[in-house]
């Protein structure tokens, strides 16, 4: 399978496996400190049949304080039921699983350089306007790092300028937050596929945000939406972020993120790393909303079991896909690999 030179970043195959990072889905007393294992046993007894990898996320988030971890876990269960969060993955059109992911990565209609471009079309309930969400939101669930953790790439600067249009399109801030929750569920589904592929739990994602061109005065609803989502992420998806890379950050952005950190509980601080300048763009400004609509609709058709395309049409569609700027893919992947070597 083609790789980017020395990188282990190959779209998430077995060659991303790192033996030094192996850990068990059900830790024994030998895998944890004695008091940590006791905390895990106590939480098991209080919450019932739940995978240890999920219990550990809440224990770590609450500094191994069992009552706080149990309270947060139950709050998460209530929130998911109240907001019908399970629907996103329950209503996924599929196919799902490691083999389906590998097939999508090898299909030129669905991938770029053997990396699946739009896993949301398989793994979560589809929107009727998938292309619009890509165009306005400027976020892709794209590839895996060398540990098998799914990567999310965001073009925060351009998305900031398009937020007012997104707000009008979806019909309000609550629906924008809902779309962000859907993306979290997508990343959780990708973690599950990666876990099954590698034979070990993958419970975190890597987020890379390009802050170039971000508005000096963000839309007020954008700030409020981000604050809401930060609370949801830290409260209901604890310990699911490996690191947030901020690249091309303007001077004011550092101060803005200090403000963001002040909104969070001290135990929920974001693992942020500031990079230098990385030249990348998602989709490119030449891609219109209509382009996004058309291409994602083509991808949805390609995923239908009864859909057959002639080789010439596949080749033509792949040539259209070449319009995606290749330089940002290579640059961002190299950056993520390089930085993760220092951080993990």
C-alpha atoms as a PDB file:
ATOM      1  CA  UNK A   1       0.000   0.000   0.000  1.00  0.00           C
ATOM      2  CA  UNK A   2       1.537   3.354  -0.935  1.00  0.00           C
ATOM      3  CA  UNK A   3       2.729   5.506   1.957  1.00  0.00           C
ATOM      4  CA  UNK A   4       4.145   8.975   2.309  1.00  0.00           C
ATOM      5  CA  UNK A   5       7.819   8.017   2.363  1.00  0.00           C
ATOM      6  CA  UNK A   6       8.960   7.126   5.869  1.00  0.00           C
ATOM      7  CA  UNK A   7       5.555   7.722   7.416  1.00  0.00           C
ATOM      8  CA  UNK A   8       3.516   5.029   9.126  1.00  0.00           C
ATOM      9  CA  UNK A   9       0.482   7.042   8.073  1.00  0.00           C
ATOM     10  CA  UNK A  10      -1.106   4.712   5.533  1.00  0.00           C
ATOM     11  CA  UNK A  11      -4.797   5.429   5.826  1.00  0.00           C
ATOM     12  CA  UNK A  12      -5.113   3.198   8.882  1.00  0.00           C
ATOM     13  CA  UNK A  13      -3.870  -0.307   8.156  1.00  0.00           C
ATOM     14  CA  UNK A  14      -2.012  -2.877  10.250  1.00  0.00           C
ATOM     15  CA  UNK A  15       1.265  -1.134   9.452  1.00  0.00           C
ATOM     16  CA  UNK A  16       0.176   1.676  11.797  1.00  0.00           C
ATOM     17  CA  UNK A  17       0.524  -0.738  14.715  1.00  0.00           C
ATOM     18  CA  UNK A  18       3.042   0.186  17.403  1.00  0.00           C
ATOM     19  CA  UNK A  19       3.905  -2.697  19.788  1.00  0.00           C
ATOM     20  CA  UNK A  20       5.112  -0.254  22.447  1.00  0.00           C
ATOM     21  CA  UNK A  21       1.626   1.174  22.749  1.00  0.00           C
ATOM     22  CA  UNK A  22      -0.187  -2.109  23.394  1.00  0.00           C
ATOM     23  CA  UNK A  23      -2.597  -2.120  26.312  1.00  0.00           C
ATOM     24  CA  UNK A  24      -5.464  -4.359  27.290  1.00  0.00           C
ATOM     25  CA  UNK A  25      -9.169  -3.728  26.911  1.00  0.00           C
ATOM     26  CA  UNK A  26      -9.700  -5.297  30.371  1.00  0.00           C
ATOM     27  CA  UNK A  27      -6.692  -4.348  32.523  1.00  0.00           C
ATOM     28  CA  UNK A  28      -5.570  -6.639  35.321  1.00  0.00           C
ATOM     29  CA  UNK A  29      -4.040  -5.616  38.632  1.00  0.00           C
ATOM     30  CA  UNK A  30      -0.617  -5.930  37.001  1.00  0.00           C
ATOM     31  CA  UNK A  31      -1.509  -3.359  34.341  1.00  0.00           C
ATOM     32  CA  UNK A  32      -2.434  -0.569  36.776  1.00  0.00           C
ATOM     33  CA  UNK A  33      -1.198   0.736  40.082  1.00  0.00           C
ATOM     34  CA  UNK A  34      -2.886  -1.030  42.979  1.00  0.00           C
ATOM     35  CA  UNK A  35      -5.055   1.959  43.937  1.00  0.00           C
ATOM     36  CA  UNK A  36      -6.000   2.563  40.304  1.00  0.00           C
ATOM     37  CA  UNK A  37      -7.144  -1.021  39.909  1.00  0.00           C
ATOM     38  CA  UNK A  38      -9.193  -0.728  43.102  1.00  0.00           C
ATOM     39  CA  UNK A  39     -10.838   2.399  41.671  1.00  0.00           C
ATOM     40  CA  UNK A  40     -11.649   0.548  38.455  1.00  0.00           C
ATOM     41  CA  UNK A  41     -13.190  -2.366  40.396  1.00  0.00           C
ATOM     42  CA  UNK A  42     -15.291   0.044  42.459  1.00  0.00           C
ATOM     43  CA  UNK A  43     -16.556   1.843  39.379  1.00  0.00           C
ATOM     44  CA  UNK A  44     -17.341  -1.479  37.673  1.00  0.00           C
ATOM     45  CA  UNK A  45     -19.532  -2.435  40.623  1.00  0.00           C
ATOM     46  CA  UNK A  46     -21.458   0.851  40.461  1.00  0.00           C
ATOM     47  CA  UNK A  47     -22.138   1.290  36.735  1.00  0.00           C
ATOM     48  CA  UNK A  48     -22.701  -2.274  35.570  1.00  0.00           C
ATOM     49  CA  UNK A  49     -21.553  -4.002  32.367  1.00  0.00           C
ATOM     50  CA  UNK A  50     -19.478  -1.362  30.579  1.00  0.00           C
ATOM     51  CA  UNK A  51     -16.159  -1.821  28.794  1.00  0.00           C
ATOM     52  CA  UNK A  52     -13.185  -0.978  30.986  1.00  0.00           C
ATOM     53  CA  UNK A  53     -11.719   1.298  28.327  1.00  0.00           C
ATOM     54  CA  UNK A  54     -14.763   3.552  28.707  1.00  0.00           C
ATOM     55  CA  UNK A  55     -14.672   3.483  32.503  1.00  0.00           C
ATOM     56  CA  UNK A  56     -10.993   4.407  32.440  1.00  0.00           C
ATOM     57  CA  UNK A  57     -11.699   7.535  30.377  1.00  0.00           C
ATOM     58  CA  UNK A  58     -13.980   8.854  33.118  1.00  0.00           C
ATOM     59  CA  UNK A  59     -11.656   7.802  35.925  1.00  0.00           C
ATOM     60  CA  UNK A  60      -8.699   9.541  34.321  1.00  0.00           C
ATOM     61  CA  UNK A  61     -10.786  12.647  33.610  1.00  0.00           C
ATOM     62  CA  UNK A  62     -11.824  12.835  37.280  1.00  0.00           C
ATOM     63  CA  UNK A  63      -8.307  12.114  38.597  1.00  0.00           C
ATOM     64  CA  UNK A  64      -9.368   8.620  39.751  1.00  0.00           C
ATOM     65  CA  UNK A  65     -12.004  10.008  42.107  1.00  0.00           C
ATOM     66  CA  UNK A  66     -14.637   7.287  41.805  1.00  0.00           C
ATOM     67  CA  UNK A  67     -17.757   9.217  42.978  1.00  0.00           C
ATOM     68  CA  UNK A  68     -16.996  12.044  40.529  1.00  0.00           C
ATOM     69  CA  UNK A  69     -16.295   9.593  37.703  1.00  0.00           C
ATOM     70  CA  UNK A  70     -19.528   7.682  38.379  1.00  0.00           C
ATOM     71  CA  UNK A  71     -21.538  10.921  38.502  1.00  0.00           C
ATOM     72  CA  UNK A  72     -20.083  12.075  35.186  1.00  0.00           C
ATOM     73  CA  UNK A  73     -20.685   8.676  33.599  1.00  0.00           C
ATOM     74  CA  UNK A  74     -24.347   8.662  34.630  1.00  0.00           C
ATOM     75  CA  UNK A  75     -24.736  12.255  33.400  1.00  0.00           C
ATOM     76  CA  UNK A  76     -23.359  11.120  30.040  1.00  0.00           C
ATOM     77  CA  UNK A  77     -25.874   8.266  29.848  1.00  0.00           C
ATOM     78  CA  UNK A  78     -28.780  10.615  30.601  1.00  0.00           C
ATOM     79  CA  UNK A  79     -27.540  13.179  28.073  1.00  0.00           C
ATOM     80  CA  UNK A  80     -27.182  10.571  25.314  1.00  0.00           C
ATOM     81  CA  UNK A  81     -30.678   9.237  25.947  1.00  0.00           C
ATOM     82  CA  UNK A  82     -32.276  12.684  26.178  1.00  0.00           C
ATOM     83  CA  UNK A  83     -30.633  13.857  22.933  1.00  0.00           C
ATOM     84  CA  UNK A  84     -30.983  10.528  21.075  1.00  0.00           C
ATOM     85  CA  UNK A  85     -27.254  10.504  20.370  1.00  0.00           C
ATOM     86  CA  UNK A  86     -27.256   6.772  19.595  1.00  0.00           C
ATOM     87  CA  UNK A  87     -29.272   7.457  16.435  1.00  0.00           C
ATOM     88  CA  UNK A  88     -26.234   8.772  14.570  1.00  0.00           C
ATOM     89  CA  UNK A  89     -24.452   5.430  14.543  1.00  0.00           C
ATOM     90  CA  UNK A  90     -27.549   3.255  14.747  1.00  0.00           C
ATOM     91  CA  UNK A  91     -28.857   4.740  11.482  1.00  0.00           C
ATOM     92  CA  UNK A  92     -25.520   4.595   9.661  1.00  0.00           C
ATOM     93  CA  UNK A  93     -25.997   3.276   6.112  1.00  0.00           C
ATOM     94  CA  UNK A  94     -22.775   1.239   6.246  1.00  0.00           C
ATOM     95  CA  UNK A  95     -20.904  -0.776   5.368  1.00  0.00           C
ATOM     96  CA  UNK A  96     -18.925  -0.735   8.619  1.00  0.00           C
ATOM     97  CA  UNK A  97     -15.909  -2.538  10.034  1.00  0.00           C
ATOM     98  CA  UNK A  98     -12.194  -2.749   9.206  1.00  0.00           C
ATOM     99  CA  UNK A  99     -12.747  -4.494   5.875  1.00  0.00           C
ATOM    100  CA  UNK A 100     -15.274  -1.898   4.760  1.00  0.00           C
ATOM    101  CA  UNK A 101     -12.850   0.878   5.715  1.00  0.00           C
ATOM    102  CA  UNK A 102     -10.068  -0.800   3.756  1.00  0.00           C
ATOM    103  CA  UNK A 103     -12.315  -1.212   0.709  1.00  0.00           C
ATOM    104  CA  UNK A 104     -13.314   2.461   0.830  1.00  0.00           C
ATOM    105  CA  UNK A 105      -9.664   3.510   1.077  1.00  0.00           C
ATOM    106  CA  UNK A 106      -8.871   1.521  -2.060  1.00  0.00           C
ATOM    107  CA  UNK A 107     -11.859   2.779  -4.052  1.00  0.00           C
ATOM    108  CA  UNK A 108     -10.796   5.791  -6.169  1.00  0.00           C
ATOM    109  CA  UNK A 109     -14.355   7.137  -6.014  1.00  0.00           C
ATOM    110  CA  UNK A 110     -14.176   7.371  -2.213  1.00  0.00           C
ATOM    111  CA  UNK A 111     -10.523   7.988  -1.417  1.00  0.00           C
ATOM    112  CA  UNK A 112      -7.506  10.145  -2.059  1.00  0.00           C
ATOM    113  CA  UNK A 113      -4.101   8.431  -2.235  1.00  0.00           C
ATOM    114  CA  UNK A 114      -5.602   5.365  -0.520  1.00  0.00           C
ATOM    115  CA  UNK A 115      -7.085   7.359   2.354  1.00  0.00           C
ATOM    116  CA  UNK A 116     -10.875   7.462   2.707  1.00  0.00           C
ATOM    117  CA  UNK A 117     -12.168  11.003   2.293  1.00  0.00           C
ATOM    118  CA  UNK A 118     -15.739  10.927   3.619  1.00  0.00           C
ATOM    119  CA  UNK A 119     -16.205   8.131   6.197  1.00  0.00           C
ATOM    120  CA  UNK A 120     -19.325   9.917   7.470  1.00  0.00           C
ATOM    121  CA  UNK A 121     -21.161   8.534   4.453  1.00  0.00           C
ATOM    122  CA  UNK A 122     -20.694   5.021   5.903  1.00  0.00           C
ATOM    123  CA  UNK A 123     -20.483   5.441   9.650  1.00  0.00           C
ATOM    124  CA  UNK A 124     -23.191   7.892  10.746  1.00  0.00           C
ATOM    125  CA  UNK A 125     -26.713   8.825   9.726  1.00  0.00           C
ATOM    126  CA  UNK A 126     -26.482  10.890   6.564  1.00  0.00           C
ATOM    127  CA  UNK A 127     -27.624  14.476   6.236  1.00  0.00           C
ATOM    128  CA  UNK A 128     -29.723  15.344   3.180  1.00  0.00           C
ATOM    129  CA  UNK A 129     -27.180  18.114   2.505  1.00  0.00           C
ATOM    130  CA  UNK A 130     -23.800  16.501   3.223  1.00  0.00           C
ATOM    131  CA  UNK A 131     -22.009  18.734   0.741  1.00  0.00           C
ATOM    132  CA  UNK A 132     -23.209  21.922   2.419  1.00  0.00           C
ATOM    133  CA  UNK A 133     -21.864  20.782   5.793  1.00  0.00           C
ATOM    134  CA  UNK A 134     -18.462  20.095   4.270  1.00  0.00           C
ATOM    135  CA  UNK A 135     -18.474  23.443   2.470  1.00  0.00           C
ATOM    136  CA  UNK A 136     -19.501  25.542   5.470  1.00  0.00           C
ATOM    137  CA  UNK A 137     -17.913  23.484   8.250  1.00  0.00           C
ATOM    138  CA  UNK A 138     -14.555  22.919   6.508  1.00  0.00           C
ATOM    139  CA  UNK A 139     -13.814  19.730   8.477  1.00  0.00           C
ATOM    140  CA  UNK A 140     -12.712  16.319   7.294  1.00  0.00           C
ATOM    141  CA  UNK A 141     -12.356  13.017   9.141  1.00  0.00           C
ATOM    142  CA  UNK A 142      -9.247  12.060   7.245  1.00  0.00           C
ATOM    143  CA  UNK A 143      -6.781   9.238   7.897  1.00  0.00           C
ATOM    144  CA  UNK A 144      -5.031   8.031  11.047  1.00  0.00           C
ATOM    145  CA  UNK A 145      -1.828   8.871  12.855  1.00  0.00           C
ATOM    146  CA  UNK A 146       0.962   6.351  13.458  1.00  0.00           C
ATOM    147  CA  UNK A 147      -0.827   5.065  16.575  1.00  0.00           C
ATOM    148  CA  UNK A 148      -4.033   4.364  14.700  1.00  0.00           C
ATOM    149  CA  UNK A 149      -5.845   7.378  16.171  1.00  0.00           C
ATOM    150  CA  UNK A 150      -8.304   8.992  13.725  1.00  0.00           C
ATOM    151  CA  UNK A 151      -7.412  12.470  12.521  1.00  0.00           C
ATOM    152  CA  UNK A 152      -9.795  15.366  12.096  1.00  0.00           C
ATOM    153  CA  UNK A 153      -8.612  18.262   9.925  1.00  0.00           C
ATOM    154  CA  UNK A 154     -10.296  21.645  10.247  1.00  0.00           C
ATOM    155  CA  UNK A 155      -9.873  24.816   8.244  1.00  0.00           C
ATOM    156  CA  UNK A 156     -10.927  27.057  11.099  1.00  0.00           C
ATOM    157  CA  UNK A 157     -10.085  30.342   9.408  1.00  0.00           C
ATOM    158  CA  UNK A 158     -12.304  29.818   6.374  1.00  0.00           C
ATOM    159  CA  UNK A 159     -15.029  28.177   8.469  1.00  0.00           C
ATOM    160  CA  UNK A 160     -15.076  31.277  10.657  1.00  0.00           C
ATOM    161  CA  UNK A 161     -15.923  33.467   7.687  1.00  0.00           C
ATOM    162  CA  UNK A 162     -18.643  31.051   6.565  1.00  0.00           C
ATOM    163  CA  UNK A 163     -20.263  30.592   9.981  1.00  0.00           C
ATOM    164  CA  UNK A 164     -23.072  33.105   9.389  1.00  0.00           C
ATOM    165  CA  UNK A 165     -24.020  31.234   6.207  1.00  0.00           C
ATOM    166  CA  UNK A 166     -23.892  27.905   8.063  1.00  0.00           C
ATOM    167  CA  UNK A 167     -26.138  29.299  10.788  1.00  0.00           C
ATOM    168  CA  UNK A 168     -28.712  30.389   8.232  1.00  0.00           C
ATOM    169  CA  UNK A 169     -28.485  27.129   6.329  1.00  0.00           C
ATOM    170  CA  UNK A 170     -29.023  24.735   9.254  1.00  0.00           C
ATOM    171  CA  UNK A 171     -31.483  26.963  11.109  1.00  0.00           C
ATOM    172  CA  UNK A 172     -29.808  28.035  14.336  1.00  0.00           C
ATOM    173  CA  UNK A 173     -27.051  27.388  16.826  1.00  0.00           C
ATOM    174  CA  UNK A 174     -28.578  24.242  18.333  1.00  0.00           C
ATOM    175  CA  UNK A 175     -28.440  22.512  14.964  1.00  0.00           C
ATOM    176  CA  UNK A 176     -24.818  23.529  14.502  1.00  0.00           C
ATOM    177  CA  UNK A 177     -24.044  21.932  17.869  1.00  0.00           C
ATOM    178  CA  UNK A 178     -25.933  18.841  16.732  1.00  0.00           C
ATOM    179  CA  UNK A 179     -23.707  18.617  13.659  1.00  0.00           C
ATOM    180  CA  UNK A 180     -20.627  18.783  15.892  1.00  0.00           C
ATOM    181  CA  UNK A 181     -21.996  15.968  18.061  1.00  0.00           C
ATOM    182  CA  UNK A 182     -22.546  13.935  14.912  1.00  0.00           C
ATOM    183  CA  UNK A 183     -18.879  14.459  14.032  1.00  0.00           C
ATOM    184  CA  UNK A 184     -17.853  13.239  17.495  1.00  0.00           C
ATOM    185  CA  UNK A 185     -19.897  10.088  16.925  1.00  0.00           C
ATOM    186  CA  UNK A 186     -18.213   9.667  13.551  1.00  0.00           C
ATOM    187  CA  UNK A 187     -14.797   9.821  15.196  1.00  0.00           C
ATOM    188  CA  UNK A 188     -15.940   7.326  17.843  1.00  0.00           C
ATOM    189  CA  UNK A 189     -17.005   4.943  15.066  1.00  0.00           C
ATOM    190  CA  UNK A 190     -13.604   5.353  13.399  1.00  0.00           C
ATOM    191  CA  UNK A 191     -11.896   4.613  16.740  1.00  0.00           C
ATOM    192  CA  UNK A 192     -13.909   1.412  16.955  1.00  0.00           C
ATOM    193  CA  UNK A 193     -12.902   0.346  13.442  1.00  0.00           C
ATOM    194  CA  UNK A 194      -9.272   1.154  14.193  1.00  0.00           C
ATOM    195  CA  UNK A 195      -9.453  -0.796  17.486  1.00  0.00           C
ATOM    196  CA  UNK A 196     -10.766  -3.868  15.687  1.00  0.00           C
ATOM    197  CA  UNK A 197      -8.106  -3.553  13.014  1.00  0.00           C
ATOM    198  CA  UNK A 198      -5.207  -3.196  15.449  1.00  0.00           C
ATOM    199  CA  UNK A 199      -6.450  -5.523  18.163  1.00  0.00           C
ATOM    200  CA  UNK A 200      -6.166  -2.920  20.921  1.00  0.00           C
ATOM    201  CA  UNK A 201      -8.357  -0.071  22.169  1.00  0.00           C
ATOM    202  CA  UNK A 202      -8.132   3.258  20.347  1.00  0.00           C
ATOM    203  CA  UNK A 203      -9.968   5.854  22.424  1.00  0.00           C
ATOM    204  CA  UNK A 204      -8.618   9.223  21.263  1.00  0.00           C
ATOM    205  CA  UNK A 205      -8.477  11.377  18.164  1.00  0.00           C
ATOM    206  CA  UNK A 206      -6.046  13.967  16.836  1.00  0.00           C
ATOM    207  CA  UNK A 207      -7.415  17.325  15.691  1.00  0.00           C
ATOM    208  CA  UNK A 208      -5.456  19.673  13.435  1.00  0.00           C
ATOM    209  CA  UNK A 209      -6.856  23.185  13.043  1.00  0.00           C
ATOM    210  CA  UNK A 210      -5.631  25.674  10.489  1.00  0.00           C
ATOM    211  CA  UNK A 211      -6.215  29.080  12.095  1.00  0.00           C
ATOM    212  CA  UNK A 212      -4.930  31.112   9.143  1.00  0.00           C
ATOM    213  CA  UNK A 213      -7.242  33.944   8.209  1.00  0.00           C
ATOM    214  CA  UNK A 214      -9.486  33.522  11.227  1.00  0.00           C
ATOM    215  CA  UNK A 215     -11.706  36.595  11.740  1.00  0.00           C
ATOM    216  CA  UNK A 216     -10.406  38.999  14.370  1.00  0.00           C
ATOM    217  CA  UNK A 217     -13.987  39.348  15.583  1.00  0.00           C
ATOM    218  CA  UNK A 218     -15.678  35.952  15.288  1.00  0.00           C
ATOM    219  CA  UNK A 219     -19.419  35.765  14.881  1.00  0.00           C
ATOM    220  CA  UNK A 220     -20.959  35.997  18.408  1.00  0.00           C
ATOM    221  CA  UNK A 221     -22.948  32.824  17.792  1.00  0.00           C
ATOM    222  CA  UNK A 222     -19.771  31.050  16.686  1.00  0.00           C
ATOM    223  CA  UNK A 223     -18.126  31.772  20.044  1.00  0.00           C
ATOM    224  CA  UNK A 224     -21.248  30.656  21.924  1.00  0.00           C
ATOM    225  CA  UNK A 225     -21.492  27.499  19.820  1.00  0.00           C
ATOM    226  CA  UNK A 226     -17.855  26.644  20.440  1.00  0.00           C
ATOM    227  CA  UNK A 227     -18.309  27.189  24.169  1.00  0.00           C
ATOM    228  CA  UNK A 228     -21.329  24.860  24.185  1.00  0.00           C
ATOM    229  CA  UNK A 229     -19.418  22.214  22.296  1.00  0.00           C
ATOM    230  CA  UNK A 230     -16.394  22.469  24.596  1.00  0.00           C
ATOM    231  CA  UNK A 231     -18.669  21.688  27.517  1.00  0.00           C
ATOM    232  CA  UNK A 232     -20.226  18.735  25.681  1.00  0.00           C
ATOM    233  CA  UNK A 233     -16.824  17.367  24.676  1.00  0.00           C
ATOM    234  CA  UNK A 234     -15.283  17.583  28.129  1.00  0.00           C
ATOM    235  CA  UNK A 235     -18.406  16.442  29.976  1.00  0.00           C
ATOM    236  CA  UNK A 236     -19.680  13.647  27.740  1.00  0.00           C
ATOM    237  CA  UNK A 237     -16.621  12.631  25.694  1.00  0.00           C
ATOM    238  CA  UNK A 238     -13.838  12.857  28.312  1.00  0.00           C
ATOM    239  CA  UNK A 239     -10.285  11.853  27.461  1.00  0.00           C
ATOM    240  CA  UNK A 240     -11.146  11.430  23.774  1.00  0.00           C
ATOM    241  CA  UNK A 241      -8.745  14.082  22.472  1.00  0.00           C
ATOM    242  CA  UNK A 242      -5.102  13.065  22.158  1.00  0.00           C
ATOM    243  CA  UNK A 243      -3.929  16.504  21.084  1.00  0.00           C
ATOM    244  CA  UNK A 244      -5.196  19.599  19.309  1.00  0.00           C
ATOM    245  CA  UNK A 245      -2.633  21.024  16.904  1.00  0.00           C
ATOM    246  CA  UNK A 246      -3.087  24.714  16.094  1.00  0.00           C
ATOM    247  CA  UNK A 247      -1.194  25.738  12.973  1.00  0.00           C
ATOM    248  CA  UNK A 248      -0.860  29.100  11.260  1.00  0.00           C
ATOM    249  CA  UNK A 249      -2.173  30.763  14.404  1.00  0.00           C
ATOM    250  CA  UNK A 250      -2.382  34.576  14.312  1.00  0.00           C
ATOM    251  CA  UNK A 251      -1.068  36.457  17.334  1.00  0.00           C
ATOM    252  CA  UNK A 252      -4.501  37.098  18.836  1.00  0.00           C
ATOM    253  CA  UNK A 253      -5.411  33.420  18.627  1.00  0.00           C
ATOM    254  CA  UNK A 254      -3.178  32.461  21.565  1.00  0.00           C
ATOM    255  CA  UNK A 255      -5.009  34.927  23.799  1.00  0.00           C
ATOM    256  CA  UNK A 256      -8.339  33.617  22.494  1.00  0.00           C
ATOM    257  CA  UNK A 257      -7.444  30.062  23.470  1.00  0.00           C
ATOM    258  CA  UNK A 258      -6.380  31.150  26.921  1.00  0.00           C
ATOM    259  CA  UNK A 259      -9.890  32.522  27.274  1.00  0.00           C
ATOM    260  CA  UNK A 260     -11.303  29.219  26.085  1.00  0.00           C
ATOM    261  CA  UNK A 261      -9.296  27.306  28.672  1.00  0.00           C
ATOM    262  CA  UNK A 262     -10.771  29.517  31.385  1.00  0.00           C
ATOM    263  CA  UNK A 263     -14.233  28.209  30.466  1.00  0.00           C
ATOM    264  CA  UNK A 264     -13.256  24.648  31.353  1.00  0.00           C
ATOM    265  CA  UNK A 265     -12.891  22.745  34.592  1.00  0.00           C
ATOM    266  CA  UNK A 266      -9.184  22.550  35.520  1.00  0.00           C
ATOM    267  CA  UNK A 267      -9.379  18.790  35.031  1.00  0.00           C
ATOM    268  CA  UNK A 268     -10.659  19.251  31.468  1.00  0.00           C
ATOM    269  CA  UNK A 269      -7.939  21.472  30.009  1.00  0.00           C
ATOM    270  CA  UNK A 270      -7.324  20.902  26.300  1.00  0.00           C
ATOM    271  CA  UNK A 271      -4.013  19.290  25.273  1.00  0.00           C
ATOM    272  CA  UNK A 272      -3.027  22.052  22.838  1.00  0.00           C
ATOM    273  CA  UNK A 273       0.169  22.332  20.827  1.00  0.00           C
ATOM    274  CA  UNK A 274       0.963  25.342  18.658  1.00  0.00           C
ATOM    275  CA  UNK A 275       2.832  24.589  15.455  1.00  0.00           C
ATOM    276  CA  UNK A 276       4.502  26.973  13.091  1.00  0.00           C
ATOM    277  CA  UNK A 277       3.192  27.540   9.606  1.00  0.00           C
ATOM    278  CA  UNK A 278       1.825  24.672   7.537  1.00  0.00           C
ATOM    279  CA  UNK A 279       0.581  25.359   4.036  1.00  0.00           C
ATOM    280  CA  UNK A 280      -2.709  23.510   3.666  1.00  0.00           C
ATOM    281  CA  UNK A 281      -6.287  24.143   2.733  1.00  0.00           C
ATOM    282  CA  UNK A 282      -9.382  21.956   2.877  1.00  0.00           C
ATOM    283  CA  UNK A 283     -11.166  21.727  -0.471  1.00  0.00           C
ATOM    284  CA  UNK A 284      -9.741  25.051  -1.597  1.00  0.00           C
ATOM    285  CA  UNK A 285     -11.631  28.252  -2.204  1.00  0.00           C
ATOM    286  CA  UNK A 286     -12.255  27.255  -5.806  1.00  0.00           C
ATOM    287  CA  UNK A 287     -14.677  24.565  -4.603  1.00  0.00           C
ATOM    288  CA  UNK A 288     -18.191  25.957  -4.497  1.00  0.00           C
ATOM    289  CA  UNK A 289     -21.037  24.599  -2.430  1.00  0.00           C
ATOM    290  CA  UNK A 290     -22.455  23.055  -5.604  1.00  0.00           C
ATOM    291  CA  UNK A 291     -19.138  21.244  -6.189  1.00  0.00           C
ATOM    292  CA  UNK A 292     -19.311  19.795  -2.682  1.00  0.00           C
ATOM    293  CA  UNK A 293     -22.947  18.758  -3.120  1.00  0.00           C
ATOM    294  CA  UNK A 294     -22.201  16.997  -6.389  1.00  0.00           C
ATOM    295  CA  UNK A 295     -19.119  15.174  -5.226  1.00  0.00           C
ATOM    296  CA  UNK A 296     -20.570  13.864  -1.974  1.00  0.00           C
ATOM    297  CA  UNK A 297     -23.714  12.763  -3.817  1.00  0.00           C
ATOM    298  CA  UNK A 298     -21.467  10.814  -6.210  1.00  0.00           C
ATOM    299  CA  UNK A 299     -19.727   9.197  -3.245  1.00  0.00           C
ATOM    300  CA  UNK A 300     -23.059   8.240  -1.681  1.00  0.00           C
ATOM    301  CA  UNK A 301     -24.084   6.533  -4.912  1.00  0.00           C
ATOM    302  CA  UNK A 302     -20.758   4.700  -5.037  1.00  0.00           C
ATOM    303  CA  UNK A 303     -21.451   3.203  -1.593  1.00  0.00           C
ATOM    304  CA  UNK A 304     -24.742   1.645  -2.673  1.00  0.00           C
ATOM    305  CA  UNK A 305     -24.381  -2.121  -3.086  1.00  0.00           C
ATOM    306  CA  UNK A 306     -26.325  -2.084  -6.367  1.00  0.00           C
ATOM    307  CA  UNK A 307     -24.379   0.820  -7.894  1.00  0.00           C
ATOM    308  CA  UNK A 308     -22.114  -0.047 -10.819  1.00  0.00           C
ATOM    309  CA  UNK A 309     -19.960   2.434 -12.698  1.00  0.00           C
ATOM    310  CA  UNK A 310     -18.072   1.868 -15.901  1.00  0.00           C
ATOM    311  CA  UNK A 311     -14.250   2.055 -15.682  1.00  0.00           C
ATOM    312  CA  UNK A 312     -14.234   5.209 -17.812  1.00  0.00           C
ATOM    313  CA  UNK A 313     -16.593   7.013 -15.419  1.00  0.00           C
ATOM    314  CA  UNK A 314     -14.534   5.934 -12.429  1.00  0.00           C
ATOM    315  CA  UNK A 315     -11.418   7.259 -14.124  1.00  0.00           C
ATOM    316  CA  UNK A 316     -13.101  10.574 -14.935  1.00  0.00           C
ATOM    317  CA  UNK A 317     -14.342  10.947 -11.381  1.00  0.00           C
ATOM    318  CA  UNK A 318     -10.883  10.208 -10.024  1.00  0.00           C
ATOM    319  CA  UNK A 319      -9.452  12.907 -12.285  1.00  0.00           C
ATOM    320  CA  UNK A 320     -11.993  15.310 -10.805  1.00  0.00           C
ATOM    321  CA  UNK A 321     -10.835  14.260  -7.355  1.00  0.00           C
ATOM    322  CA  UNK A 322      -7.315  15.339  -8.279  1.00  0.00           C
ATOM    323  CA  UNK A 323      -8.650  18.889  -7.881  1.00  0.00           C
ATOM    324  CA  UNK A 324      -8.240  18.406  -4.139  1.00  0.00           C
ATOM    325  CA  UNK A 325      -5.036  20.256  -3.236  1.00  0.00           C
ATOM    326  CA  UNK A 326      -2.499  17.531  -2.603  1.00  0.00           C
ATOM    327  CA  UNK A 327       0.054  19.700  -0.859  1.00  0.00           C
ATOM    328  CA  UNK A 328      -2.056  20.209   2.259  1.00  0.00           C
ATOM    329  CA  UNK A 329      -2.523  16.465   2.662  1.00  0.00           C
ATOM    330  CA  UNK A 330       1.206  15.776   2.664  1.00  0.00           C
ATOM    331  CA  UNK A 331       2.040  18.824   4.791  1.00  0.00           C
ATOM    332  CA  UNK A 332      -0.540  18.111   7.466  1.00  0.00           C
ATOM    333  CA  UNK A 333       0.295  14.414   7.656  1.00  0.00           C
ATOM    334  CA  UNK A 334       4.007  15.154   8.006  1.00  0.00           C
ATOM    335  CA  UNK A 335       3.253  17.730  10.699  1.00  0.00           C
ATOM    336  CA  UNK A 336       1.050  15.345  12.683  1.00  0.00           C
ATOM    337  CA  UNK A 337       3.602  12.553  12.492  1.00  0.00           C
ATOM    338  CA  UNK A 338       6.491  14.806  13.445  1.00  0.00           C
ATOM    339  CA  UNK A 339       4.707  16.369  16.435  1.00  0.00           C
ATOM    340  CA  UNK A 340       3.219  13.119  17.736  1.00  0.00           C
ATOM    341  CA  UNK A 341       6.731  11.706  17.982  1.00  0.00           C
ATOM    342  CA  UNK A 342       7.478  14.343  20.605  1.00  0.00           C
ATOM    343  CA  UNK A 343       4.182  14.295  22.433  1.00  0.00           C
ATOM    344  CA  UNK A 344       3.446  10.598  22.846  1.00  0.00           C
END
